[in-house]
N, C-alpha and C. Protein backbone atom coordinates (compact mmCIF):
# COMPACT_ATOMS: atom_id res chain seq x y z
N MET A 1 0.80 -1.20 0.02
CA MET A 1 -0.03 0.02 0.03
C MET A 1 0.88 1.27 0.05
N CYS A 2 1.92 1.32 0.82
CA CYS A 2 2.69 2.44 0.86
C CYS A 2 3.55 2.64 -0.51
N LEU A 3 3.80 1.57 -1.22
CA LEU A 3 4.58 1.62 -2.43
C LEU A 3 3.63 2.35 -3.41
N GLY A 4 2.36 1.94 -3.50
CA GLY A 4 1.36 2.53 -4.35
C GLY A 4 1.23 4.01 -4.17
N ARG A 5 1.25 4.42 -2.88
CA ARG A 5 1.12 5.95 -2.59
C ARG A 5 2.36 6.68 -2.96
N TRP A 6 3.47 6.05 -2.69
CA TRP A 6 4.72 6.63 -3.14
C TRP A 6 4.81 6.88 -4.64
N ARG A 7 4.36 5.87 -5.36
CA ARG A 7 4.31 6.06 -6.87
C ARG A 7 3.46 7.17 -7.24
N THR A 8 2.31 7.23 -6.68
CA THR A 8 1.28 8.21 -6.98
C THR A 8 1.70 9.57 -6.68
N THR A 9 2.30 9.58 -5.52
CA THR A 9 2.93 10.92 -5.11
C THR A 9 4.05 11.34 -5.98
N ARG A 10 5.00 10.41 -6.21
CA ARG A 10 6.09 10.66 -7.08
C ARG A 10 5.63 11.18 -8.40
N HIS A 11 4.66 10.49 -8.97
CA HIS A 11 4.23 10.96 -10.38
C HIS A 11 3.46 12.28 -10.27
N GLY A 12 2.66 12.39 -9.26
CA GLY A 12 2.05 13.64 -9.06
C GLY A 12 3.02 14.81 -8.93
N VAL A 13 4.02 14.66 -8.17
CA VAL A 13 5.10 15.68 -8.07
C VAL A 13 5.75 15.92 -9.38
N ARG A 14 6.04 14.82 -10.08
CA ARG A 14 6.78 14.97 -11.33
C ARG A 14 5.78 15.65 -12.34
N ARG A 15 4.55 15.34 -12.28
CA ARG A 15 3.61 16.00 -13.34
C ARG A 15 3.51 17.51 -12.83
N ALA A 16 3.46 17.91 -11.63
CA ALA A 16 3.28 19.20 -11.17
C ALA A 16 4.57 19.97 -11.51
N SER A 17 5.70 19.34 -11.31
CA SER A 17 6.97 20.13 -11.70
C SER A 17 7.13 20.31 -13.20
N SER A 18 6.65 19.37 -14.04
CA SER A 18 6.77 19.57 -15.44
C SER A 18 5.75 20.65 -15.78
N LEU A 19 4.60 20.77 -15.31
CA LEU A 19 3.74 21.87 -15.55
C LEU A 19 4.18 23.17 -15.22
N LEU A 20 4.95 23.24 -13.97
CA LEU A 20 5.55 24.46 -13.57
C LEU A 20 6.63 24.83 -14.63
N ALA A 21 7.53 23.93 -14.99
CA ALA A 21 8.52 24.28 -15.91
C ALA A 21 7.98 24.75 -17.15
N ALA A 22 6.89 24.09 -17.68
CA ALA A 22 6.24 24.51 -18.88
C ALA A 22 5.70 25.99 -18.84
N ALA A 23 5.15 26.23 -17.54
CA ALA A 23 4.62 27.61 -17.39
C ALA A 23 5.67 28.55 -17.35
N LEU A 24 6.77 28.30 -16.69
CA LEU A 24 7.97 29.26 -16.65
C LEU A 24 8.54 29.41 -18.07
N LEU A 25 8.64 28.39 -18.82
CA LEU A 25 9.30 28.56 -20.24
C LEU A 25 8.32 29.32 -21.20
N ALA A 26 7.06 29.41 -20.82
CA ALA A 26 6.04 30.10 -21.69
C ALA A 26 6.16 31.58 -21.57
N THR A 27 6.81 32.07 -20.41
CA THR A 27 6.94 33.49 -20.24
C THR A 27 8.21 33.94 -20.82
N PRO A 28 8.10 35.18 -21.61
CA PRO A 28 9.39 35.54 -22.32
C PRO A 28 10.58 35.81 -21.40
N SER A 29 10.33 36.35 -20.24
CA SER A 29 11.55 36.72 -19.43
C SER A 29 12.18 35.42 -18.95
N ALA A 30 11.37 34.46 -18.51
CA ALA A 30 11.89 33.08 -18.06
C ALA A 30 12.59 32.45 -19.25
N ALA A 31 12.01 32.52 -20.35
CA ALA A 31 12.66 31.88 -21.58
C ALA A 31 14.01 32.41 -21.84
N THR A 32 13.98 33.86 -21.75
CA THR A 32 15.33 34.41 -21.98
C THR A 32 16.33 34.07 -20.94
N PHE A 33 15.90 34.01 -19.63
CA PHE A 33 16.77 33.62 -18.50
C PHE A 33 17.32 32.11 -18.75
N PHE A 34 16.49 31.29 -19.06
CA PHE A 34 17.00 29.88 -19.32
C PHE A 34 17.81 29.80 -20.61
N GLU A 35 17.52 30.57 -21.62
CA GLU A 35 18.37 30.52 -22.86
C GLU A 35 19.71 31.06 -22.58
N LEU A 36 19.84 32.14 -21.78
CA LEU A 36 21.07 32.66 -21.43
C LEU A 36 21.83 31.68 -20.42
N ALA A 37 21.08 31.35 -19.39
CA ALA A 37 21.82 30.55 -18.36
C ALA A 37 22.30 29.18 -18.73
N ALA A 38 21.48 28.38 -19.46
CA ALA A 38 21.96 27.09 -19.67
C ALA A 38 21.80 26.58 -21.01
N GLY A 39 21.08 27.26 -21.96
CA GLY A 39 20.89 26.85 -23.36
C GLY A 39 20.00 25.52 -23.27
N LEU A 40 18.99 25.58 -22.39
CA LEU A 40 18.16 24.42 -22.21
C LEU A 40 16.81 24.50 -23.02
N LEU A 41 16.68 25.50 -23.76
CA LEU A 41 15.36 25.67 -24.47
C LEU A 41 15.33 24.86 -25.57
N PRO A 42 14.06 24.14 -25.90
CA PRO A 42 13.85 23.42 -27.10
C PRO A 42 13.84 24.39 -28.24
N PRO A 43 14.06 23.87 -29.52
CA PRO A 43 14.30 24.65 -30.65
C PRO A 43 13.08 25.66 -30.87
N ALA A 44 11.80 25.21 -30.55
CA ALA A 44 10.71 26.13 -30.62
C ALA A 44 10.94 27.44 -29.91
N PHE A 45 11.33 27.37 -28.73
CA PHE A 45 11.48 28.56 -27.90
C PHE A 45 12.72 29.34 -28.31
N ALA A 46 13.84 28.72 -28.75
CA ALA A 46 15.00 29.35 -29.17
C ALA A 46 14.68 30.13 -30.45
N ALA A 47 13.84 29.67 -31.25
CA ALA A 47 13.38 30.36 -32.55
C ALA A 47 12.66 31.65 -32.26
N GLY A 48 11.99 31.69 -31.00
CA GLY A 48 11.29 32.82 -30.76
C GLY A 48 9.77 32.76 -30.58
N SER A 49 9.34 31.58 -31.01
CA SER A 49 7.84 31.61 -30.95
C SER A 49 7.55 30.46 -29.85
N ALA A 50 6.60 30.65 -28.85
CA ALA A 50 6.41 29.71 -27.91
C ALA A 50 5.32 28.68 -28.28
N THR A 51 4.76 28.82 -29.45
CA THR A 51 3.61 27.93 -29.88
C THR A 51 4.02 27.25 -31.27
N ALA A 52 5.23 27.35 -31.69
CA ALA A 52 5.76 26.76 -32.93
C ALA A 52 5.84 25.27 -32.76
N THR A 53 5.52 24.58 -33.79
CA THR A 53 5.66 23.19 -33.83
C THR A 53 7.02 22.78 -34.25
N PRO A 54 7.45 21.61 -34.00
CA PRO A 54 8.80 21.21 -34.57
C PRO A 54 8.97 21.33 -35.89
N ALA A 55 8.02 21.11 -36.77
CA ALA A 55 7.99 21.24 -38.20
C ALA A 55 8.32 22.71 -38.62
N GLU A 56 7.56 23.65 -37.87
CA GLU A 56 7.84 25.01 -38.18
C GLU A 56 9.13 25.53 -37.68
N ALA A 57 9.75 24.98 -36.55
CA ALA A 57 10.96 25.50 -35.96
C ALA A 57 12.19 25.03 -36.83
N ALA A 58 12.07 23.96 -37.62
CA ALA A 58 13.22 23.47 -38.40
C ALA A 58 13.82 24.45 -39.35
N PRO A 59 12.93 25.17 -40.18
CA PRO A 59 13.62 26.13 -41.05
C PRO A 59 14.20 27.48 -40.57
N ALA A 60 13.83 27.64 -39.09
CA ALA A 60 14.23 28.83 -38.48
C ALA A 60 15.77 28.92 -38.34
N ALA A 61 16.26 30.08 -38.03
CA ALA A 61 17.68 30.25 -37.91
C ALA A 61 18.14 29.50 -36.72
N PRO A 62 19.36 29.02 -36.61
CA PRO A 62 19.87 28.22 -35.55
C PRO A 62 19.98 29.21 -34.36
N ALA A 63 19.74 28.44 -33.21
CA ALA A 63 19.82 29.27 -31.85
C ALA A 63 21.13 29.92 -31.63
N ALA A 64 21.04 31.12 -31.06
CA ALA A 64 22.25 31.91 -30.86
C ALA A 64 23.01 31.11 -29.76
N VAL A 65 24.31 31.12 -29.88
CA VAL A 65 25.23 30.53 -28.91
C VAL A 65 25.71 31.59 -27.99
N VAL A 66 25.49 31.26 -26.75
CA VAL A 66 25.95 32.36 -25.74
C VAL A 66 27.30 31.97 -25.34
N THR A 67 28.09 32.99 -25.43
CA THR A 67 29.55 32.82 -25.10
C THR A 67 29.82 33.91 -23.95
N ARG A 68 30.87 33.50 -23.12
CA ARG A 68 31.27 34.39 -22.02
C ARG A 68 32.10 35.45 -22.52
N PRO A 69 32.01 36.62 -22.23
CA PRO A 69 32.86 37.70 -22.76
C PRO A 69 34.31 37.60 -22.25
N SER A 70 35.31 37.98 -23.10
CA SER A 70 36.64 37.77 -22.68
C SER A 70 37.20 39.23 -22.26
N TYR A 71 37.57 39.31 -21.08
CA TYR A 71 38.18 40.60 -20.58
C TYR A 71 39.61 40.46 -20.65
N ALA A 72 40.20 41.61 -21.13
CA ALA A 72 41.72 41.58 -21.34
C ALA A 72 42.34 41.56 -20.11
N GLY A 73 41.91 42.43 -19.10
CA GLY A 73 42.57 42.39 -17.77
C GLY A 73 41.96 41.47 -16.63
N ALA A 74 40.84 40.82 -16.92
CA ALA A 74 40.04 40.18 -15.92
C ALA A 74 40.73 38.95 -15.55
N ARG A 75 41.16 38.81 -14.26
CA ARG A 75 41.69 37.58 -13.75
C ARG A 75 41.06 37.44 -12.39
N SER A 76 40.98 36.21 -11.90
CA SER A 76 40.41 36.02 -10.65
C SER A 76 41.25 36.63 -9.52
N GLN A 77 40.48 36.97 -8.41
CA GLN A 77 41.15 37.50 -7.27
C GLN A 77 42.04 36.44 -6.65
N ARG A 78 41.73 35.24 -6.76
CA ARG A 78 42.48 34.15 -6.12
C ARG A 78 43.79 34.01 -7.00
N GLY A 79 43.67 34.15 -8.33
CA GLY A 79 44.90 34.11 -9.19
C GLY A 79 45.85 35.35 -8.85
N GLU A 80 45.33 36.47 -8.72
CA GLU A 80 46.18 37.65 -8.36
C GLU A 80 46.80 37.51 -6.96
N MET A 81 46.05 36.91 -6.11
CA MET A 81 46.75 36.70 -4.77
C MET A 81 47.76 35.69 -4.81
N TYR A 82 47.65 34.59 -5.70
CA TYR A 82 48.68 33.61 -5.79
C TYR A 82 49.94 34.27 -6.25
N TYR A 83 49.93 34.94 -7.37
CA TYR A 83 51.04 35.67 -7.92
C TYR A 83 51.61 36.66 -6.98
N ALA A 84 50.95 37.39 -6.23
CA ALA A 84 51.30 38.34 -5.25
C ALA A 84 52.15 37.56 -4.06
N ARG A 85 51.52 36.48 -3.65
CA ARG A 85 52.18 35.83 -2.56
C ARG A 85 53.36 35.09 -2.89
N ARG A 86 53.22 34.38 -4.05
CA ARG A 86 54.27 33.41 -4.51
C ARG A 86 55.59 34.26 -5.18
N TYR A 87 55.19 35.21 -6.01
CA TYR A 87 56.32 35.88 -6.77
C TYR A 87 56.45 37.28 -6.42
N GLY A 88 55.57 37.89 -5.63
CA GLY A 88 55.67 39.26 -5.21
C GLY A 88 55.32 40.18 -6.22
N VAL A 89 54.49 39.87 -7.31
CA VAL A 89 54.14 40.82 -8.36
C VAL A 89 52.56 40.71 -8.63
N ASP A 90 52.09 41.88 -9.09
CA ASP A 90 50.71 41.84 -9.49
C ASP A 90 50.55 42.78 -10.72
N GLN A 91 49.34 43.06 -11.18
CA GLN A 91 48.99 43.74 -12.38
C GLN A 91 49.79 43.22 -13.74
N LEU A 92 49.67 41.99 -13.81
CA LEU A 92 50.34 41.26 -14.98
C LEU A 92 49.54 41.55 -16.24
N GLN A 93 50.16 41.97 -17.29
CA GLN A 93 49.50 42.24 -18.54
C GLN A 93 50.44 42.17 -19.72
N VAL A 94 49.89 41.87 -20.94
CA VAL A 94 50.58 41.74 -22.06
C VAL A 94 49.94 42.64 -23.13
N ARG A 95 50.66 43.53 -23.78
CA ARG A 95 50.14 44.50 -24.67
C ARG A 95 50.81 44.36 -26.08
N SER A 96 50.10 44.56 -27.11
CA SER A 96 50.63 44.62 -28.40
C SER A 96 51.20 45.97 -28.73
N THR A 97 52.54 46.12 -29.09
CA THR A 97 53.11 47.53 -29.36
C THR A 97 53.79 47.52 -30.71
N SER A 98 54.19 48.61 -31.12
CA SER A 98 54.86 48.74 -32.43
C SER A 98 54.00 48.15 -33.64
N SER A 99 52.69 48.47 -33.65
CA SER A 99 51.83 48.04 -34.68
C SER A 99 51.71 46.35 -34.64
N GLY A 100 51.91 45.76 -33.57
CA GLY A 100 51.82 44.38 -33.48
C GLY A 100 53.06 43.63 -33.65
N SER A 101 54.19 44.36 -33.97
CA SER A 101 55.50 43.56 -34.25
C SER A 101 56.20 43.33 -33.00
N SER A 102 55.78 43.69 -31.81
CA SER A 102 56.28 43.30 -30.56
C SER A 102 55.23 43.28 -29.49
N LEU A 103 55.45 42.49 -28.52
CA LEU A 103 54.52 42.44 -27.42
C LEU A 103 55.26 42.73 -26.00
N GLU A 104 54.63 43.54 -25.17
CA GLU A 104 55.14 44.12 -24.04
C GLU A 104 54.52 43.44 -22.82
N PHE A 105 55.41 42.89 -21.94
CA PHE A 105 54.84 42.19 -20.69
C PHE A 105 55.16 43.18 -19.52
N ARG A 106 54.21 43.55 -18.79
CA ARG A 106 54.30 44.44 -17.72
C ARG A 106 53.89 43.78 -16.41
N TYR A 107 54.49 44.14 -15.23
CA TYR A 107 54.11 43.77 -13.93
C TYR A 107 54.51 44.77 -12.90
N ARG A 108 53.91 44.88 -11.81
CA ARG A 108 54.23 45.64 -10.76
C ARG A 108 54.83 44.84 -9.51
N VAL A 109 55.87 45.34 -8.99
CA VAL A 109 56.59 44.60 -7.85
C VAL A 109 55.91 44.98 -6.59
N LEU A 110 55.62 43.99 -5.82
CA LEU A 110 55.17 44.14 -4.39
C LEU A 110 56.27 43.58 -3.38
N ASP A 111 56.95 42.59 -3.65
CA ASP A 111 57.98 42.14 -2.70
C ASP A 111 59.23 41.99 -3.62
N ALA A 112 60.30 42.83 -3.35
CA ALA A 112 61.46 42.80 -4.15
C ALA A 112 62.22 41.45 -4.15
N GLN A 113 62.27 40.80 -2.93
CA GLN A 113 62.97 39.61 -2.88
C GLN A 113 62.35 38.51 -3.72
N LYS A 114 61.07 38.35 -3.66
CA LYS A 114 60.38 37.34 -4.56
C LYS A 114 60.38 37.69 -5.95
N ALA A 115 60.35 38.90 -6.33
CA ALA A 115 60.27 39.39 -7.71
C ALA A 115 61.68 39.42 -8.27
N ALA A 116 62.68 39.11 -7.62
CA ALA A 116 64.13 39.16 -8.09
C ALA A 116 64.24 37.95 -9.16
N LEU A 117 63.42 37.06 -9.11
CA LEU A 117 63.34 35.95 -10.03
C LEU A 117 63.04 36.36 -11.50
N LEU A 118 62.20 37.35 -11.68
CA LEU A 118 61.74 37.98 -12.88
C LEU A 118 62.93 38.92 -13.56
N THR A 119 63.82 39.38 -12.71
CA THR A 119 64.89 40.29 -13.24
C THR A 119 66.15 39.59 -13.33
N ASP A 120 66.25 38.27 -13.09
CA ASP A 120 67.49 37.53 -13.13
C ASP A 120 67.99 37.46 -14.64
N LYS A 121 69.24 37.82 -14.86
CA LYS A 121 69.78 37.90 -16.18
C LYS A 121 69.94 36.56 -16.78
N ARG A 122 70.21 35.44 -15.95
CA ARG A 122 70.39 34.14 -16.46
C ARG A 122 69.14 33.57 -16.84
N ALA A 123 68.00 33.96 -16.46
CA ALA A 123 66.68 33.27 -16.82
C ALA A 123 66.20 34.07 -18.16
N LYS A 124 66.04 33.09 -19.13
CA LYS A 124 65.64 33.65 -20.50
C LYS A 124 64.15 33.65 -20.57
N PRO A 125 63.44 34.75 -20.68
CA PRO A 125 61.97 34.89 -20.80
C PRO A 125 61.49 34.29 -22.14
N VAL A 126 60.36 33.64 -22.09
CA VAL A 126 59.75 33.18 -23.26
C VAL A 126 58.20 33.45 -23.15
N LEU A 127 57.57 33.91 -24.19
CA LEU A 127 56.20 34.12 -24.28
C LEU A 127 55.69 33.05 -25.28
N ILE A 128 54.64 32.25 -24.76
CA ILE A 128 54.11 31.12 -25.58
C ILE A 128 52.66 31.35 -25.96
N ASP A 129 52.39 31.34 -27.19
CA ASP A 129 50.93 31.42 -27.73
C ASP A 129 50.29 30.13 -27.38
N GLN A 130 49.11 30.17 -26.64
CA GLN A 130 48.41 28.96 -26.34
C GLN A 130 47.84 28.43 -27.47
N LYS A 131 47.36 29.18 -28.56
CA LYS A 131 46.59 28.63 -29.71
C LYS A 131 47.52 27.86 -30.58
N THR A 132 48.74 28.38 -30.88
CA THR A 132 49.56 27.86 -31.91
C THR A 132 50.79 27.12 -31.26
N GLY A 133 51.15 27.60 -30.11
CA GLY A 133 52.42 26.98 -29.55
C GLY A 133 53.63 27.85 -29.95
N ASN A 134 53.48 28.93 -30.57
CA ASN A 134 54.72 29.71 -31.09
C ASN A 134 55.40 30.30 -29.79
N ARG A 135 56.65 30.26 -29.82
CA ARG A 135 57.45 30.77 -28.69
C ARG A 135 58.18 31.99 -29.02
N LEU A 136 58.00 33.16 -28.41
CA LEU A 136 58.55 34.41 -28.62
C LEU A 136 59.54 34.73 -27.66
N THR A 137 60.69 35.33 -28.01
CA THR A 137 61.80 35.60 -27.12
C THR A 137 61.97 37.09 -27.06
N VAL A 138 62.82 37.50 -26.05
CA VAL A 138 63.22 38.92 -25.86
C VAL A 138 64.34 39.11 -26.85
N PRO A 139 64.28 40.09 -27.75
CA PRO A 139 65.48 40.30 -28.68
C PRO A 139 66.55 41.00 -27.99
N THR A 140 67.78 40.81 -28.55
CA THR A 140 69.00 41.44 -28.03
C THR A 140 69.48 42.36 -28.99
N MET A 141 69.61 43.65 -28.65
CA MET A 141 70.16 44.70 -29.71
C MET A 141 71.69 44.79 -29.45
N GLU A 142 72.42 45.25 -30.31
CA GLU A 142 73.80 45.33 -30.31
C GLU A 142 74.28 46.19 -29.20
N LYS A 143 73.82 47.44 -29.21
CA LYS A 143 74.46 48.46 -28.31
C LYS A 143 73.52 48.53 -26.92
N ILE A 144 72.26 48.07 -26.98
CA ILE A 144 71.41 48.15 -25.88
C ILE A 144 71.37 46.83 -25.03
N GLY A 145 71.41 45.78 -25.59
CA GLY A 145 71.35 44.49 -24.94
C GLY A 145 69.89 44.00 -25.08
N GLU A 146 69.45 43.13 -24.11
CA GLU A 146 68.23 42.62 -24.15
C GLU A 146 67.12 43.68 -23.74
N LEU A 147 65.96 43.65 -24.44
CA LEU A 147 64.83 44.62 -24.26
C LEU A 147 64.07 44.15 -23.02
N ARG A 148 64.71 44.32 -21.87
CA ARG A 148 64.08 44.02 -20.54
C ARG A 148 64.76 44.69 -19.42
N GLN A 149 64.09 44.91 -18.39
CA GLN A 149 64.77 45.49 -17.25
C GLN A 149 65.31 44.45 -16.29
N THR A 150 66.64 44.58 -15.98
CA THR A 150 67.17 43.61 -15.18
C THR A 150 67.83 44.20 -13.91
N ALA A 151 67.43 45.45 -13.56
CA ALA A 151 67.89 46.11 -12.29
C ALA A 151 67.13 45.53 -11.03
N ALA A 152 67.77 45.66 -10.01
CA ALA A 152 67.18 45.09 -8.70
C ALA A 152 65.83 45.73 -8.60
N PRO A 153 64.66 44.90 -8.43
CA PRO A 153 63.42 45.30 -8.30
C PRO A 153 63.11 46.12 -6.99
N GLU A 154 62.29 47.10 -7.12
CA GLU A 154 61.93 47.97 -5.96
C GLU A 154 60.37 47.82 -5.81
N PRO A 155 59.91 47.75 -4.64
CA PRO A 155 58.45 47.63 -4.29
C PRO A 155 57.78 48.86 -4.85
N GLY A 156 56.63 48.69 -5.49
CA GLY A 156 55.76 49.76 -5.94
C GLY A 156 56.04 50.21 -7.47
N ARG A 157 57.18 49.77 -8.00
CA ARG A 157 57.52 50.15 -9.40
C ARG A 157 57.09 49.10 -10.41
N GLU A 158 56.80 49.63 -11.59
CA GLU A 158 56.44 48.82 -12.66
C GLU A 158 57.54 48.42 -13.47
N TYR A 159 57.68 47.22 -13.99
CA TYR A 159 58.72 46.69 -14.79
C TYR A 159 58.15 46.09 -16.10
N TRP A 160 58.94 46.00 -17.12
CA TRP A 160 58.50 45.59 -18.49
C TRP A 160 59.61 44.71 -19.08
N MET A 161 59.24 44.04 -20.25
CA MET A 161 59.99 43.33 -21.12
C MET A 161 59.31 43.28 -22.37
N VAL A 162 60.10 43.34 -23.54
CA VAL A 162 59.53 43.30 -24.76
C VAL A 162 59.84 41.83 -25.55
N PHE A 163 58.93 41.32 -26.12
CA PHE A 163 59.09 40.16 -26.94
C PHE A 163 58.95 40.45 -28.31
N ALA A 164 59.77 39.94 -29.24
CA ALA A 164 59.71 40.10 -30.66
C ALA A 164 58.56 39.30 -31.20
N ASN A 165 57.68 39.79 -32.05
CA ASN A 165 56.54 39.09 -32.63
C ASN A 165 56.66 39.20 -34.21
N PRO A 166 57.72 38.53 -34.80
CA PRO A 166 57.91 38.57 -36.13
C PRO A 166 56.76 37.88 -36.97
N GLY A 167 56.31 38.73 -37.98
CA GLY A 167 55.13 38.31 -38.75
C GLY A 167 53.81 38.57 -38.01
N LYS A 168 53.88 39.14 -36.87
CA LYS A 168 52.57 39.50 -36.15
C LYS A 168 51.84 38.23 -35.95
N LEU A 169 52.57 37.08 -35.51
CA LEU A 169 51.91 35.83 -35.20
C LEU A 169 50.94 35.90 -34.13
N VAL A 170 51.22 36.60 -33.00
CA VAL A 170 50.33 36.71 -31.84
C VAL A 170 49.56 37.92 -31.92
N LYS A 171 48.25 38.01 -32.00
CA LYS A 171 47.30 39.17 -32.15
C LYS A 171 46.68 39.55 -30.90
N PRO A 172 46.18 40.73 -30.77
CA PRO A 172 45.39 41.08 -29.59
C PRO A 172 44.14 40.17 -29.54
N GLY A 173 43.82 39.77 -28.25
CA GLY A 173 42.70 38.94 -27.92
C GLY A 173 43.17 37.47 -27.70
N GLN A 174 44.38 37.19 -28.28
CA GLN A 174 44.78 35.73 -28.01
C GLN A 174 45.41 35.51 -26.59
N ARG A 175 45.38 34.35 -26.05
CA ARG A 175 45.86 34.06 -24.73
C ARG A 175 47.26 33.57 -25.00
N VAL A 176 48.09 33.92 -23.96
CA VAL A 176 49.61 33.62 -23.96
C VAL A 176 50.07 33.23 -22.60
N ASP A 177 51.11 32.48 -22.50
CA ASP A 177 51.80 32.21 -21.27
C ASP A 177 53.19 32.89 -21.16
N VAL A 178 53.67 33.26 -20.08
CA VAL A 178 54.90 33.89 -19.87
C VAL A 178 55.64 33.06 -18.94
N VAL A 179 56.90 32.52 -19.39
CA VAL A 179 57.76 31.74 -18.69
C VAL A 179 59.11 32.37 -18.40
N ILE A 180 59.60 32.63 -17.15
CA ILE A 180 60.91 33.16 -16.83
C ILE A 180 61.48 32.47 -15.80
N GLY A 181 62.37 31.44 -16.17
CA GLY A 181 62.81 30.57 -15.21
C GLY A 181 61.79 29.76 -14.50
N ALA A 182 61.71 29.85 -13.24
CA ALA A 182 60.59 29.14 -12.39
C ALA A 182 59.29 29.84 -12.44
N PHE A 183 59.31 31.08 -12.93
CA PHE A 183 58.12 31.86 -12.87
C PHE A 183 57.22 31.45 -14.16
N HIS A 184 56.03 31.20 -13.99
CA HIS A 184 55.13 30.85 -15.06
C HIS A 184 53.75 31.43 -14.73
N VAL A 185 53.31 32.25 -15.72
CA VAL A 185 51.97 32.82 -15.65
C VAL A 185 51.24 32.35 -16.89
N SER A 186 50.03 31.83 -16.74
CA SER A 186 49.26 31.38 -17.96
C SER A 186 48.03 32.19 -18.19
N SER A 187 47.52 32.12 -19.39
CA SER A 187 46.23 32.56 -19.88
C SER A 187 46.29 34.11 -19.75
N LEU A 188 47.25 34.87 -19.99
CA LEU A 188 47.09 36.27 -20.15
C LEU A 188 46.59 36.66 -21.48
N THR A 189 45.65 37.49 -21.56
CA THR A 189 45.09 37.99 -22.73
C THR A 189 45.83 39.11 -23.34
N VAL A 190 46.25 39.11 -24.63
CA VAL A 190 47.01 40.12 -25.37
C VAL A 190 46.05 41.39 -25.48
N GLU A 191 46.36 42.48 -24.98
CA GLU A 191 45.56 43.67 -25.16
C GLU A 191 45.95 44.39 -26.49
């Protein structure tokens, strides 16, 4: 007897929840919410009509794909705290300069002892494009030397280094990794 009631209750609850879901999807604001949040709408709702049949929905345009916006400087607070505690730097960014023929990596020093790793002359910096795997290096000029700052870091100052980008292989919007000895920062977006 208990089993029968449980089944009846279970089906009743399921039936009620499916009616509630159908009622929510029938309203435009809820349909927009679900479409943006999870992409769970059937093709009839994605095409824009709540009463369209599957045959009518087939020739309609495909549903819009919802993508997350990519922010050039957006990084998680946890990631920022990691680099600040581990390497003593923050405000990590990569910018395209010289009409795209070079890329500039900038960072601000918080702790001079920890950040000394980034200004070590023996560590050769490499910028790696995540999409193609291209490795860019810091060029060395005859009279100037490497295009990077190697002076002892001071807290509160901003430092930079320039990577050659021959053929403009890495473009703004692409994600890159910067490796300098044991220092490794990943998924910086080129501005």
